[in-house]
N, C-alpha and C. Protein backbone atom coordinates (compact mmCIF):
# COMPACT_ATOMS: atom_id res chain seq x y z
N MET A 1 4.62 -0.36 3.93
CA MET A 1 4.72 -1.61 4.02
C MET A 1 3.97 -2.13 2.74
N PRO A 2 4.57 -3.35 2.09
CA PRO A 2 4.65 -3.79 1.08
C PRO A 2 3.23 -4.56 0.95
N ARG A 3 2.44 -4.13 -0.30
CA ARG A 3 1.53 -4.83 -0.57
C ARG A 3 1.57 -5.90 -1.54
N VAL A 4 0.60 -7.06 -1.35
CA VAL A 4 0.15 -8.54 -2.44
C VAL A 4 -1.08 -8.70 -2.75
N LEU A 5 -1.09 -8.48 -4.58
CA LEU A 5 -2.58 -8.01 -5.04
C LEU A 5 -3.16 -9.53 -5.05
N LEU A 6 -4.47 -9.18 -4.71
CA LEU A 6 -5.84 -10.16 -4.77
C LEU A 6 -5.27 -11.10 -5.71
N VAL A 7 -5.42 -12.42 -6.16
CA VAL A 7 -5.02 -13.04 -7.22
C VAL A 7 -6.58 -13.98 -7.43
N ALA A 8 -6.60 -14.41 -8.39
CA ALA A 8 -7.90 -15.44 -8.98
C ALA A 8 -9.39 -14.71 -8.30
N LEU A 9 -9.35 -13.35 -8.81
CA LEU A 9 -10.86 -12.67 -8.59
C LEU A 9 -11.62 -13.04 -8.86
N ALA A 10 -12.44 -13.93 -8.40
CA ALA A 10 -13.95 -14.49 -9.14
C ALA A 10 -15.01 -14.41 -8.11
N VAL A 11 -16.00 -14.42 -7.93
CA VAL A 11 -16.94 -14.73 -6.68
C VAL A 11 -18.26 -15.02 -7.09
N PHE A 12 -19.19 -15.90 -6.64
CA PHE A 12 -20.18 -16.57 -7.40
C PHE A 12 -21.24 -15.65 -6.16
N ALA A 13 -22.49 -15.18 -6.74
CA ALA A 13 -23.61 -13.77 -5.76
C ALA A 13 -24.73 -15.55 -5.66
N LEU A 14 -26.11 -15.18 -4.87
CA LEU A 14 -27.39 -16.02 -4.99
C LEU A 14 -28.10 -14.89 -5.00
N GLY A 15 -29.00 -14.73 -5.31
CA GLY A 15 -29.99 -13.54 -5.29
C GLY A 15 -30.82 -13.73 -4.71
N LEU A 16 -31.30 -12.63 -3.60
CA LEU A 16 -32.13 -12.60 -2.88
C LEU A 16 -33.15 -11.66 -3.46
N ALA A 17 -34.38 -12.09 -2.57
CA ALA A 17 -36.05 -11.34 -2.55
C ALA A 17 -35.72 -10.23 -2.63
N GLY A 18 -36.06 -9.26 -3.40
CA GLY A 18 -36.39 -7.67 -3.44
C GLY A 18 -36.06 -7.13 -4.50
N ALA A 19 -36.27 -5.89 -4.49
CA ALA A 19 -35.82 -5.22 -5.98
C ALA A 19 -34.19 -5.58 -6.49
N ALA A 20 -34.27 -5.39 -7.95
CA ALA A 20 -32.77 -5.92 -8.31
C ALA A 20 -31.74 -5.14 -7.84
N GLU A 21 -32.05 -3.95 -7.81
CA GLU A 21 -30.80 -2.97 -7.73
C GLU A 21 -30.29 -3.52 -5.64
N ALA A 22 -31.57 -4.14 -5.23
CA ALA A 22 -31.18 -4.16 -4.04
C ALA A 22 -30.51 -5.83 -3.49
N GLN A 23 -30.46 -6.48 -4.62
CA GLN A 23 -29.88 -7.97 -4.71
C GLN A 23 -28.82 -7.85 -3.61
N THR A 24 -28.33 -8.94 -3.02
CA THR A 24 -27.17 -9.30 -2.25
C THR A 24 -26.98 -10.57 -2.50
N GLY A 25 -25.64 -11.03 -2.29
CA GLY A 25 -25.01 -12.17 -2.34
C GLY A 25 -24.17 -12.76 -1.54
N ARG A 26 -23.66 -14.24 -1.67
CA ARG A 26 -22.65 -14.95 -0.97
C ARG A 26 -21.44 -15.07 -1.89
N VAL A 27 -20.26 -14.09 -0.75
CA VAL A 27 -19.24 -14.78 -0.98
C VAL A 27 -18.25 -15.38 -0.39
N SER A 28 -17.58 -16.47 -0.96
CA SER A 28 -16.63 -17.56 -0.43
C SER A 28 -15.39 -17.13 -0.81
N GLY A 29 -14.17 -18.06 -0.26
CA GLY A 29 -12.57 -17.92 -0.77
C GLY A 29 -12.09 -18.39 0.37
N ILE A 30 -10.70 -18.54 -0.19
CA ILE A 30 -9.73 -19.13 0.58
C ILE A 30 -8.54 -18.21 0.79
N VAL A 31 -8.20 -18.11 2.36
CA VAL A 31 -6.73 -17.50 2.24
C VAL A 31 -5.31 -18.36 2.60
N LYS A 32 -4.42 -18.26 2.00
CA LYS A 32 -3.33 -19.27 1.77
C LYS A 32 -1.99 -18.75 1.83
N ASP A 33 -0.98 -18.79 2.36
CA ASP A 33 0.56 -18.60 2.15
C ASP A 33 1.04 -18.84 0.89
N ILE A 34 2.28 -18.24 0.58
CA ILE A 34 3.05 -18.59 -0.68
C ILE A 34 2.93 -20.26 -1.30
N ALA A 35 2.95 -20.84 -0.34
CA ALA A 35 3.28 -22.44 -0.39
C ALA A 35 2.18 -23.00 -0.49
N GLY A 36 0.89 -21.98 -0.53
CA GLY A 36 -0.35 -22.98 -0.68
C GLY A 36 -0.89 -23.66 0.53
N LYS A 37 -0.43 -23.05 2.16
CA LYS A 37 -1.05 -23.65 3.16
C LYS A 37 -1.61 -22.54 3.60
N PRO A 38 -2.99 -23.41 3.93
CA PRO A 38 -4.35 -22.59 4.36
C PRO A 38 -3.68 -21.99 5.65
N ILE A 39 -4.36 -20.28 6.01
CA ILE A 39 -4.43 -19.38 6.88
C ILE A 39 -5.02 -19.37 8.04
N LYS A 40 -5.20 -20.24 9.10
CA LYS A 40 -6.17 -20.14 10.09
C LYS A 40 -6.58 -18.96 10.61
N GLY A 41 -7.33 -18.24 10.84
CA GLY A 41 -7.99 -16.98 11.98
C GLY A 41 -7.52 -15.77 11.49
N ALA A 42 -7.04 -15.76 9.80
CA ALA A 42 -7.09 -14.58 8.89
C ALA A 42 -8.79 -13.81 8.84
N THR A 43 -8.99 -12.75 8.85
CA THR A 43 -9.17 -11.83 8.59
C THR A 43 -9.71 -11.28 7.59
N VAL A 44 -10.91 -11.22 6.80
CA VAL A 44 -11.00 -10.81 5.66
C VAL A 44 -12.51 -9.72 5.79
N ARG A 45 -11.91 -8.56 5.22
CA ARG A 45 -13.06 -7.48 5.25
C ARG A 45 -13.59 -6.87 3.67
N ALA A 46 -14.77 -6.47 3.74
CA ALA A 46 -15.24 -6.65 2.27
C ALA A 46 -15.77 -5.18 2.56
N SER A 47 -15.43 -4.14 1.74
CA SER A 47 -15.78 -2.98 2.23
C SER A 47 -16.67 -1.69 0.73
N ASN A 48 -17.74 -1.02 1.05
CA ASN A 48 -17.82 -0.64 -0.24
C ASN A 48 -18.69 0.78 0.39
N PRO A 49 -18.20 1.81 0.37
CA PRO A 49 -18.96 2.98 1.04
C PRO A 49 -20.19 3.45 0.39
N ASP A 50 -20.91 2.99 -0.66
CA ASP A 50 -22.02 3.39 -1.23
C ASP A 50 -22.81 2.40 -1.23
N THR A 51 -23.10 1.14 -0.45
CA THR A 51 -23.77 0.28 0.28
C THR A 51 -24.12 0.36 1.31
N SER A 52 -25.26 -0.34 1.70
CA SER A 52 -25.77 0.03 3.23
C SER A 52 -25.88 -1.76 3.45
N PRO A 53 -25.33 -2.61 4.34
CA PRO A 53 -24.14 -2.21 5.11
C PRO A 53 -23.08 -1.61 4.32
N ARG A 54 -21.85 -0.75 4.91
CA ARG A 54 -20.67 -0.55 4.36
C ARG A 54 -19.70 -1.57 4.40
N GLU A 55 -19.59 -2.23 5.26
CA GLU A 55 -18.60 -3.29 5.44
C GLU A 55 -19.30 -5.05 6.27
N PHE A 56 -18.27 -5.93 5.96
CA PHE A 56 -18.47 -7.25 5.85
C PHE A 56 -17.33 -7.77 6.54
N THR A 57 -17.15 -8.64 7.94
CA THR A 57 -15.96 -9.32 8.10
C THR A 57 -16.47 -10.70 8.35
N SER A 58 -15.08 -11.34 7.86
CA SER A 58 -15.11 -13.05 8.09
C SER A 58 -14.22 -13.52 8.54
N THR A 59 -13.86 -14.29 9.34
CA THR A 59 -12.33 -15.06 9.63
C THR A 59 -12.48 -16.56 9.26
N THR A 60 -11.44 -16.98 8.82
CA THR A 60 -11.01 -18.12 8.10
C THR A 60 -10.97 -19.33 9.11
N ASP A 61 -11.32 -20.52 8.68
CA ASP A 61 -11.18 -21.30 9.33
C ASP A 61 -9.95 -22.37 9.63
N ASP A 62 -10.04 -23.49 10.09
CA ASP A 62 -8.71 -24.33 10.11
C ASP A 62 -8.11 -24.74 8.58
N LYS A 63 -8.85 -24.52 7.38
CA LYS A 63 -8.93 -24.79 6.02
C LYS A 63 -8.71 -23.23 5.26
N GLY A 64 -8.53 -22.07 6.45
CA GLY A 64 -8.66 -21.36 5.50
C GLY A 64 -9.56 -20.56 4.85
N ARG A 65 -10.93 -21.50 5.16
CA ARG A 65 -12.07 -21.20 4.18
C ARG A 65 -13.01 -19.73 5.13
N PHE A 66 -13.16 -18.64 4.24
CA PHE A 66 -13.99 -17.75 4.74
C PHE A 66 -15.51 -17.64 4.35
N ALA A 67 -16.32 -17.32 4.23
CA ALA A 67 -17.43 -16.49 3.59
C ALA A 67 -18.31 -15.41 4.18
N MET A 68 -19.08 -14.83 3.37
CA MET A 68 -19.90 -13.63 3.64
C MET A 68 -21.02 -13.73 3.12
N LEU A 69 -22.18 -13.14 3.52
CA LEU A 69 -23.48 -13.26 2.64
C LEU A 69 -23.80 -11.64 3.48
N GLY A 70 -24.57 -11.14 2.34
CA GLY A 70 -25.50 -9.95 2.36
C GLY A 70 -24.57 -8.84 1.51
N LEU A 71 -23.74 -9.06 0.64
CA LEU A 71 -22.66 -7.77 -0.25
C LEU A 71 -23.75 -7.73 -1.11
N ARG A 72 -24.21 -6.39 -1.58
CA ARG A 72 -24.79 -5.94 -2.85
C ARG A 72 -24.31 -6.44 -4.00
N THR A 73 -24.85 -7.01 -4.84
CA THR A 73 -24.44 -6.93 -6.55
C THR A 73 -24.32 -5.88 -7.27
N SER A 74 -24.07 -6.32 -8.07
CA SER A 74 -23.80 -5.06 -9.33
C SER A 74 -22.95 -3.75 -8.70
N ALA A 75 -22.23 -4.36 -7.69
CA ALA A 75 -21.20 -3.10 -7.10
C ALA A 75 -19.70 -3.44 -6.86
N THR A 76 -18.89 -2.81 -6.81
CA THR A 76 -17.41 -3.09 -6.55
C THR A 76 -16.90 -2.97 -5.25
N TRP A 77 -16.28 -4.00 -4.42
CA TRP A 77 -16.09 -3.93 -3.34
C TRP A 77 -14.73 -4.35 -3.14
N HIS A 78 -14.33 -3.60 -2.28
CA HIS A 78 -12.72 -3.78 -2.32
C HIS A 78 -12.49 -4.76 -0.60
N PHE A 79 -11.47 -5.59 -1.04
CA PHE A 79 -11.60 -6.81 -0.24
C PHE A 79 -9.87 -6.98 0.47
N VAL A 80 -9.85 -6.96 1.89
CA VAL A 80 -8.47 -6.63 2.45
C VAL A 80 -8.53 -8.31 3.47
N ALA A 81 -7.41 -8.54 3.35
CA ALA A 81 -7.03 -10.07 4.01
C ALA A 81 -5.77 -9.84 4.76
N GLU A 82 -6.19 -10.19 6.17
CA GLU A 82 -4.99 -9.87 7.30
C GLU A 82 -4.50 -10.81 8.32
N ALA A 83 -3.38 -11.34 8.42
CA ALA A 83 -3.49 -12.44 9.58
C ALA A 83 -1.70 -11.87 10.20
N PRO A 84 -1.89 -12.20 11.42
CA PRO A 84 -0.48 -11.80 12.07
C PRO A 84 0.90 -12.86 11.21
N GLY A 85 1.75 -11.96 11.45
CA GLY A 85 2.79 -12.43 10.50
C GLY A 85 2.71 -12.25 9.43
N PHE A 86 2.17 -11.96 8.49
CA PHE A 86 1.66 -11.73 7.07
C PHE A 86 1.49 -10.46 6.56
N PHE A 87 1.99 -10.09 5.44
CA PHE A 87 1.52 -8.60 4.63
C PHE A 87 0.30 -9.00 4.19
N LEU A 88 -0.25 -7.79 4.33
CA LEU A 88 -1.87 -7.80 3.95
C LEU A 88 -2.17 -8.14 2.75
N SER A 89 -2.94 -8.58 2.18
CA SER A 89 -3.54 -8.88 0.72
C SER A 89 -4.92 -8.20 0.54
N GLU A 90 -5.09 -7.73 -0.85
CA GLU A 90 -6.16 -6.81 -0.94
C GLU A 90 -6.28 -6.75 -2.28
N GLY A 91 -7.48 -6.24 -2.89
CA GLY A 91 -7.83 -6.35 -4.31
C GLY A 91 -9.14 -5.80 -4.52
N ASP A 92 -9.85 -5.54 -5.63
CA ASP A 92 -11.17 -5.20 -5.82
C ASP A 92 -11.85 -6.06 -6.72
N ALA A 93 -13.25 -6.37 -6.56
CA ALA A 93 -14.03 -7.18 -7.26
C ALA A 93 -15.18 -6.51 -7.38
N LEU A 94 -15.82 -6.85 -8.65
CA LEU A 94 -17.39 -6.62 -9.03
C LEU A 94 -18.52 -7.69 -8.71
N ILE A 95 -19.08 -7.58 -7.68
CA ILE A 95 -19.63 -8.53 -7.36
C ILE A 95 -20.92 -8.91 -8.17
N ARG A 96 -20.93 -10.28 -8.64
CA ARG A 96 -22.17 -10.49 -9.92
C ARG A 96 -23.26 -11.52 -9.28
N SER A 97 -24.16 -11.80 -10.03
CA SER A 97 -25.32 -12.59 -9.85
C SER A 97 -24.98 -13.96 -10.27
N GLN A 98 -23.85 -13.86 -11.17
CA GLN A 98 -24.01 -15.41 -11.92
C GLN A 98 -22.52 -16.03 -11.17
N PRO A 99 -22.74 -17.51 -11.07
CA PRO A 99 -21.83 -18.37 -10.57
C PRO A 99 -20.82 -18.22 -10.95
N GLY A 100 -19.33 -18.60 -10.13
CA GLY A 100 -18.01 -17.82 -10.29
C GLY A 100 -17.29 -18.87 -9.64
N THR A 101 -15.92 -18.65 -9.37
CA THR A 101 -15.05 -20.05 -8.61
C THR A 101 -14.71 -18.63 -7.64
N PRO A 102 -14.60 -19.41 -6.27
CA PRO A 102 -14.36 -18.57 -4.77
C PRO A 102 -13.14 -17.62 -5.25
N PHE A 103 -12.98 -16.80 -4.11
CA PHE A 103 -11.76 -15.59 -3.84
C PHE A 103 -10.55 -16.29 -3.61
N GLU A 104 -9.52 -16.34 -3.70
CA GLU A 104 -8.14 -16.79 -3.43
C GLU A 104 -7.10 -15.89 -3.06
N PHE A 105 -7.08 -15.53 -1.60
CA PHE A 105 -5.92 -14.73 -1.35
C PHE A 105 -4.36 -15.40 -1.06
N THR A 106 -3.86 -14.88 -1.24
CA THR A 106 -2.01 -15.79 -1.04
C THR A 106 -1.21 -14.64 -0.31
N MET A 107 -1.03 -14.51 0.25
CA MET A 107 -0.35 -14.19 1.46
C MET A 107 1.02 -14.13 1.85
N ARG A 108 2.27 -13.32 1.59
CA ARG A 108 3.70 -13.24 2.07
C ARG A 108 3.44 -12.77 3.11
N ARG A 109 4.60 -13.82 3.85
CA ARG A 109 4.91 -13.88 5.34
C ARG A 109 5.89 -12.42 5.27
N ASP A 110 5.50 -11.92 6.72
CA ASP A 110 6.22 -10.75 6.93
C ASP A 110 7.68 -10.83 7.66
N PRO A 111 8.62 -10.98 7.55
CA PRO A 111 9.74 -11.69 8.24
C PRO A 111 10.28 -10.68 9.40
N GLY A 112 9.53 -9.41 9.26
CA GLY A 112 10.06 -8.78 10.75
C GLY A 112 11.03 -7.88 10.64
N PRO A 113 11.88 -7.41 11.34
CA PRO A 113 12.97 -6.75 11.46
C PRO A 113 14.09 -7.60 11.17
N ILE A 114 14.59 -7.23 10.15
CA ILE A 114 15.86 -7.79 9.46
C ILE A 114 16.71 -8.20 11.16
N VAL A 115 17.56 -9.01 11.37
CA VAL A 115 18.42 -9.13 12.35
C VAL A 115 19.58 -8.38 12.23
N GLY A 116 20.28 -7.13 12.58
CA GLY A 116 21.43 -6.67 12.31
C GLY A 116 21.32 -5.44 11.20
N ALA A 117 20.32 -5.69 10.51
CA ALA A 117 20.05 -4.79 9.26
C ALA A 117 20.08 -3.33 9.29
N LEU A 118 19.78 -2.66 10.69
CA LEU A 118 19.48 -1.29 10.95
C LEU A 118 20.84 -1.22 11.53
N VAL A 119 21.74 -1.98 12.05
CA VAL A 119 22.78 -1.31 12.65
C VAL A 119 24.23 -1.84 11.75
N LYS A 120 24.64 -2.81 11.17
CA LYS A 120 25.15 -3.00 10.41
C LYS A 120 25.78 -2.44 9.29
N ASP A 121 26.55 -1.36 9.58
CA ASP A 121 27.04 -0.61 8.41
C ASP A 121 26.47 0.68 7.92
N ILE A 122 24.80 0.59 8.47
CA ILE A 122 23.66 1.50 8.03
C ILE A 122 24.49 3.18 8.64
N GLN A 123 24.77 3.23 9.26
CA GLN A 123 25.68 4.79 9.48
C GLN A 123 26.69 4.98 8.64
N GLU A 124 27.39 4.11 8.20
CA GLU A 124 28.36 4.31 7.34
C GLU A 124 27.62 5.00 5.88
N GLN A 125 26.57 3.66 5.62
CA GLN A 125 25.90 3.60 4.69
C GLN A 125 25.30 5.32 4.17
N LEU A 126 24.32 5.59 5.56
CA LEU A 126 23.65 6.74 5.36
C LEU A 126 24.74 7.98 5.59
N GLY A 127 25.81 8.11 5.73
CA GLY A 127 26.93 9.23 6.02
C GLY A 127 27.55 9.26 4.33
N ALA A 128 27.82 8.26 3.91
CA ALA A 128 27.97 8.30 2.87
C ALA A 128 27.06 8.73 1.58
N ALA A 129 25.82 8.50 1.88
CA ALA A 129 24.97 9.14 1.13
C ALA A 129 24.62 10.46 1.18
N ASN A 130 25.00 10.91 2.26
CA ASN A 130 25.14 12.44 2.87
C ASN A 130 25.72 12.73 2.05
N ALA A 131 26.97 12.25 2.41
CA ALA A 131 28.08 13.25 1.43
C ALA A 131 27.91 13.77 0.28
N LEU A 132 27.22 12.56 -0.41
CA LEU A 132 26.89 12.95 -1.83
C LEU A 132 25.74 14.29 -2.24
N ARG A 133 24.91 13.90 -1.22
CA ARG A 133 23.72 14.96 -1.17
C ARG A 133 24.54 16.29 -0.98
N ASP A 134 24.86 16.35 0.11
CA ASP A 134 25.95 17.76 0.62
C ASP A 134 26.70 18.55 -0.80
N GLU A 135 27.32 17.14 -1.25
CA GLU A 135 28.09 17.88 -2.55
C GLU A 135 27.36 18.12 -3.67
N GLY A 136 25.93 18.06 -3.88
CA GLY A 136 25.12 18.10 -5.30
C GLY A 136 25.01 17.35 -5.65
N ARG A 137 25.44 15.75 -5.29
CA ARG A 137 25.78 14.87 -6.25
C ARG A 137 24.21 13.92 -6.23
N PHE A 138 23.00 14.76 -6.58
CA PHE A 138 21.59 14.13 -6.20
C PHE A 138 21.36 13.43 -6.53
N ASP A 139 21.32 12.91 -7.92
CA ASP A 139 21.42 11.13 -8.63
C ASP A 139 22.34 10.46 -7.97
N GLN A 140 23.02 10.39 -7.41
CA GLN A 140 23.93 9.40 -6.73
C GLN A 140 23.60 8.98 -5.25
N ALA A 141 22.99 10.61 -4.47
CA ALA A 141 22.93 10.65 -3.21
C ALA A 141 20.96 9.41 -3.48
N ILE A 142 20.64 9.78 -4.47
CA ILE A 142 19.09 9.39 -4.16
C ILE A 142 19.12 7.84 -4.35
N ALA A 143 19.99 7.32 -5.43
CA ALA A 143 20.36 6.04 -5.86
C ALA A 143 20.65 5.31 -4.21
N ALA A 144 21.79 5.73 -3.73
CA ALA A 144 22.12 5.13 -1.97
C ALA A 144 20.74 5.33 -1.18
N TYR A 145 20.12 6.34 -1.44
CA TYR A 145 19.33 6.10 0.11
C TYR A 145 18.16 5.01 -0.36
N GLN A 146 17.95 4.95 -2.04
CA GLN A 146 17.18 3.87 -2.34
C GLN A 146 17.45 2.56 -2.13
N SER A 147 18.44 2.35 -1.96
CA SER A 147 19.56 1.63 -1.83
C SER A 147 19.68 0.68 -0.48
N ILE A 148 19.74 1.79 0.06
CA ILE A 148 19.77 1.17 1.86
C ILE A 148 18.16 0.77 1.89
N GLN A 149 17.09 1.83 1.57
CA GLN A 149 15.61 1.25 1.93
C GLN A 149 15.34 0.28 1.56
N THR A 150 15.67 -0.19 0.16
CA THR A 150 15.64 -1.79 -0.31
C THR A 150 15.97 -2.57 0.58
N LYS A 151 17.18 -2.38 1.24
CA LYS A 151 17.79 -3.39 2.21
C LYS A 151 17.74 -3.21 3.67
N ASN A 152 16.84 -2.33 4.06
CA ASN A 152 16.09 -2.00 5.30
C ASN A 152 14.57 -1.46 4.79
N PRO A 153 13.41 -2.41 4.42
CA PRO A 153 12.22 -1.46 4.37
C PRO A 153 11.30 -1.31 5.72
N LYS A 154 11.75 -1.82 6.59
CA LYS A 154 11.38 -1.10 8.03
C LYS A 154 11.71 0.38 8.03
N LEU A 155 13.13 0.77 7.43
CA LEU A 155 13.40 2.04 7.52
C LEU A 155 12.63 2.85 6.77
N THR A 156 10.98 2.94 7.18
CA THR A 156 10.36 4.10 6.03
C THR A 156 10.63 5.47 6.78
N THR A 157 11.54 5.97 7.47
CA THR A 157 11.45 7.68 7.95
C THR A 157 12.58 7.93 6.64
N LEU A 158 13.29 6.88 6.15
CA LEU A 158 14.29 7.48 5.14
C LEU A 158 13.53 8.28 4.04
N ASN A 159 12.35 7.85 3.65
CA ASN A 159 11.64 8.39 3.00
C ASN A 159 11.53 10.25 3.19
N LEU A 160 11.80 10.58 4.23
CA LEU A 160 11.73 12.33 4.60
C LEU A 160 13.19 12.44 4.16
N VAL A 161 14.20 11.52 4.31
CA VAL A 161 15.25 12.46 3.80
C VAL A 161 15.33 12.19 2.09
N LEU A 162 14.74 11.23 1.60
CA LEU A 162 14.53 10.80 -0.11
C LEU A 162 13.69 12.59 -0.44
N ALA A 163 12.61 12.53 0.21
CA ALA A 163 11.75 14.01 -0.03
C ALA A 163 12.91 15.27 -0.09
N GLY A 164 13.41 15.69 0.95
CA GLY A 164 14.40 16.67 0.93
C GLY A 164 15.65 16.44 -0.23
N THR A 165 16.10 15.37 -0.51
CA THR A 165 17.06 15.33 -1.46
C THR A 165 16.07 15.85 -3.04
N TYR A 166 15.02 15.22 -3.39
CA TYR A 166 14.08 15.57 -4.47
C TYR A 166 13.62 17.10 -4.29
N ARG A 167 13.38 17.77 -3.34
CA ARG A 167 13.52 18.98 -3.07
C ARG A 167 14.96 19.91 -3.41
N ASP A 168 15.69 19.33 -2.88
CA ASP A 168 17.20 20.13 -3.23
C ASP A 168 17.58 20.28 -4.79
N LYS A 169 17.53 19.01 -5.45
CA LYS A 169 17.62 18.80 -6.55
C LYS A 169 16.53 19.85 -7.53
N ALA A 170 15.35 19.63 -7.15
CA ALA A 170 14.17 20.75 -7.74
C ALA A 170 14.68 21.91 -7.80
N GLU A 171 14.94 22.53 -6.83
CA GLU A 171 15.71 23.99 -6.83
C GLU A 171 16.79 24.44 -7.49
N ARG A 172 17.26 23.39 -7.85
CA ARG A 172 18.82 23.52 -8.73
C ARG A 172 18.43 23.40 -10.37
N GLU A 173 17.05 22.76 -10.27
CA GLU A 173 16.68 22.22 -11.55
C GLU A 173 15.95 23.77 -12.75
N HIS A 174 16.73 24.10 -13.82
CA HIS A 174 16.14 25.11 -14.52
C HIS A 174 14.98 24.61 -15.65
N ASP A 175 15.11 23.51 -15.87
CA ASP A 175 13.76 22.72 -16.57
C ASP A 175 12.49 23.05 -15.91
N PRO A 176 11.67 23.83 -16.12
CA PRO A 176 10.18 23.61 -15.00
C PRO A 176 9.43 22.08 -15.37
N ALA A 177 9.57 21.40 -16.51
CA ALA A 177 8.97 20.63 -16.44
C ALA A 177 9.54 19.50 -15.56
N ALA A 178 10.92 19.47 -15.51
CA ALA A 178 11.97 18.89 -14.62
C ALA A 178 11.90 19.03 -13.32
N ARG A 179 11.59 20.30 -12.94
CA ARG A 179 11.77 20.67 -11.61
C ARG A 179 9.84 19.91 -11.00
N VAL A 180 8.91 20.61 -11.39
CA VAL A 180 7.63 19.62 -11.19
C VAL A 180 7.62 18.15 -10.91
N ALA A 181 8.35 17.19 -11.94
CA ALA A 181 8.58 15.97 -12.01
C ALA A 181 9.14 15.71 -10.37
N LEU A 182 10.25 16.31 -10.26
CA LEU A 182 11.13 15.84 -8.97
C LEU A 182 10.43 16.56 -7.76
N LEU A 183 9.46 17.31 -7.87
CA LEU A 183 8.51 17.87 -6.65
C LEU A 183 7.41 16.85 -6.58
N GLU A 184 7.27 16.48 -7.43
CA GLU A 184 5.73 15.44 -7.45
C GLU A 184 6.39 14.05 -6.70
N LYS A 185 8.27 13.63 -6.92
CA LYS A 185 8.29 12.62 -6.12
C LYS A 185 8.73 12.51 -4.99
N ALA A 186 8.82 14.08 -4.47
CA ALA A 186 9.10 14.29 -2.82
C ALA A 186 7.30 13.93 -2.81
N VAL A 187 6.51 14.15 -3.29
CA VAL A 187 5.05 14.14 -2.55
C VAL A 187 5.03 12.67 -2.07
N THR A 188 5.14 11.98 -2.86
CA THR A 188 5.12 10.56 -3.23
C THR A 188 6.20 10.21 -1.97
N ALA A 189 6.96 10.14 -1.61
CA ALA A 189 8.45 10.02 -0.75
C ALA A 189 7.19 10.53 0.49
N TYR A 190 6.99 11.48 0.54
CA TYR A 190 6.23 11.89 2.01
C TYR A 190 4.83 11.28 2.02
N ALA A 191 4.24 10.77 1.07
CA ALA A 191 2.85 10.11 1.24
C ALA A 191 3.12 8.87 1.51
N ASP A 192 4.09 8.34 0.95
CA ASP A 192 4.79 7.09 1.77
C ASP A 192 5.02 6.86 2.97
N LEU A 193 5.29 7.73 3.39
CA LEU A 193 6.06 7.62 5.22
C LEU A 193 5.12 8.11 5.83
N LEU A 194 3.87 8.67 5.55
CA LEU A 194 2.67 9.03 5.80
C LEU A 194 1.85 8.02 5.89
N LYS A 195 1.70 6.79 5.30
CA LYS A 195 1.35 5.70 5.27
C LYS A 195 1.42 4.88 6.69
N ASP A 196 2.74 4.99 6.89
CA ASP A 196 3.09 4.18 8.18
C ASP A 196 3.32 4.93 9.35
N ASP A 197 3.44 6.52 9.16
CA ASP A 197 3.31 7.11 10.56
C ASP A 197 2.41 8.48 10.12
N ALA A 198 1.51 8.26 9.93
CA ALA A 198 0.15 9.43 9.93
C ALA A 198 0.36 10.33 10.55
N ALA A 199 1.09 10.46 11.99
CA ALA A 199 1.33 11.68 12.62
C ALA A 199 2.68 12.65 12.25
N ASN A 200 3.65 11.91 11.61
CA ASN A 200 4.68 12.48 11.17
C ASN A 200 4.25 13.69 11.08
N GLU A 201 5.06 14.92 11.60
CA GLU A 201 4.80 16.17 11.49
C GLU A 201 5.69 16.78 10.35
N HIS A 202 6.87 16.16 10.45
CA HIS A 202 8.07 16.82 9.27
C HIS A 202 7.34 16.21 7.89
N ALA A 203 6.80 15.18 8.17
CA ALA A 203 6.32 14.43 6.43
C ALA A 203 4.90 16.06 5.90
N LYS A 204 4.17 15.88 7.13
CA LYS A 204 3.26 16.67 6.91
C LYS A 204 3.32 18.28 6.56
N THR A 205 4.00 18.43 6.99
CA THR A 205 4.73 20.08 6.65
C THR A 205 5.19 19.96 5.60
N GLY A 206 6.00 18.89 5.25
CA GLY A 206 6.96 19.28 3.70
C GLY A 206 5.99 18.85 2.61
N MET A 207 4.79 17.82 2.92
CA MET A 207 4.16 17.52 2.12
C MET A 207 3.38 18.93 1.84
N ALA A 208 2.99 19.74 2.56
CA ALA A 208 2.26 20.65 2.35
C ALA A 208 2.88 22.11 1.62
N ALA A 209 3.77 22.22 2.44
CA ALA A 209 5.39 23.16 1.19
C ALA A 209 5.22 22.49 -0.01
N VAL A 210 5.60 21.12 -0.32
CA VAL A 210 5.79 20.96 -1.91
C VAL A 210 4.55 21.11 -2.48
N THR A 211 3.16 20.70 -2.00
CA THR A 211 1.97 21.10 -2.70
C THR A 211 2.03 22.68 -3.08
N THR A 212 2.19 23.20 -2.20
CA THR A 212 2.26 24.91 -2.29
C THR A 212 2.85 25.00 -3.84
N ARG A 213 4.37 24.53 -3.24
CA ARG A 213 5.40 24.95 -4.92
C ARG A 213 4.64 24.68 -5.93
N LEU A 214 4.58 23.35 -6.21
CA LEU A 214 4.02 22.71 -7.05
C LEU A 214 2.63 23.70 -8.12
N GLN A 215 1.37 24.28 -6.67
CA GLN A 215 0.45 25.13 -7.34
C GLN A 215 0.88 26.55 -7.92
N GLU A 216 2.18 26.77 -7.55
CA GLU A 216 2.54 28.04 -7.92
C GLU A 216 3.20 27.46 -9.08
N LEU A 217 3.98 26.53 -9.22
CA LEU A 217 4.66 26.53 -10.76
C LEU A 217 3.68 25.99 -11.79
N LYS A 218 2.91 25.28 -11.71
CA LYS A 218 1.70 24.91 -12.83
C LYS A 218 0.91 26.25 -12.78
N LYS A 219 0.81 27.10 -11.92
CA LYS A 219 0.15 28.35 -12.33
C LYS A 219 1.02 28.82 -13.86
N ASN A 220 2.53 28.95 -13.63
CA ASN A 220 3.21 29.71 -14.39
C ASN A 220 3.53 28.80 -15.68
């Protein structure tokens, strides 16, 4: 799923009593949509595996505002904002002790499945792309698959076909560096699929096979 980066990253922290390395602070901010309208009920999470506690959670009010108290200062935290019907927004920020402006998350609405997009001409388009691949016209096939994927972002399983096409082209590539580059693209395609479907056995098996092949090529 697509990701929207955190914008206007700044935070103010109020030092608490204790050793300097154990100081904590308060984080505040707002979550809104791309039109600037506040999003009520959004969940904001802050995480850092090297601190204790490792995670904080807050929910926005009717004005899209949230606040957290107790985050360790002088540490980089990962922030994620989620809300029903929106793509998540995330980013990293170093929490400092000096005052700063609040966080601002801008979230893009998730339109959901495109009505008719997966049925209208999709089989014909996939058939044409498959034909290009079977003819060994890999660059054209890859471009066709990517075009279908752009128009149908929910069709994440297409990454499996893309990965296979990269592998097919790699096996016919005589230049070692070009072969490695193609296999690395296959790894990326498998990884993109596994982000949405971590249990996909075909992707996991393919990823393992390509990783092994890459290790062999890089040794030679």
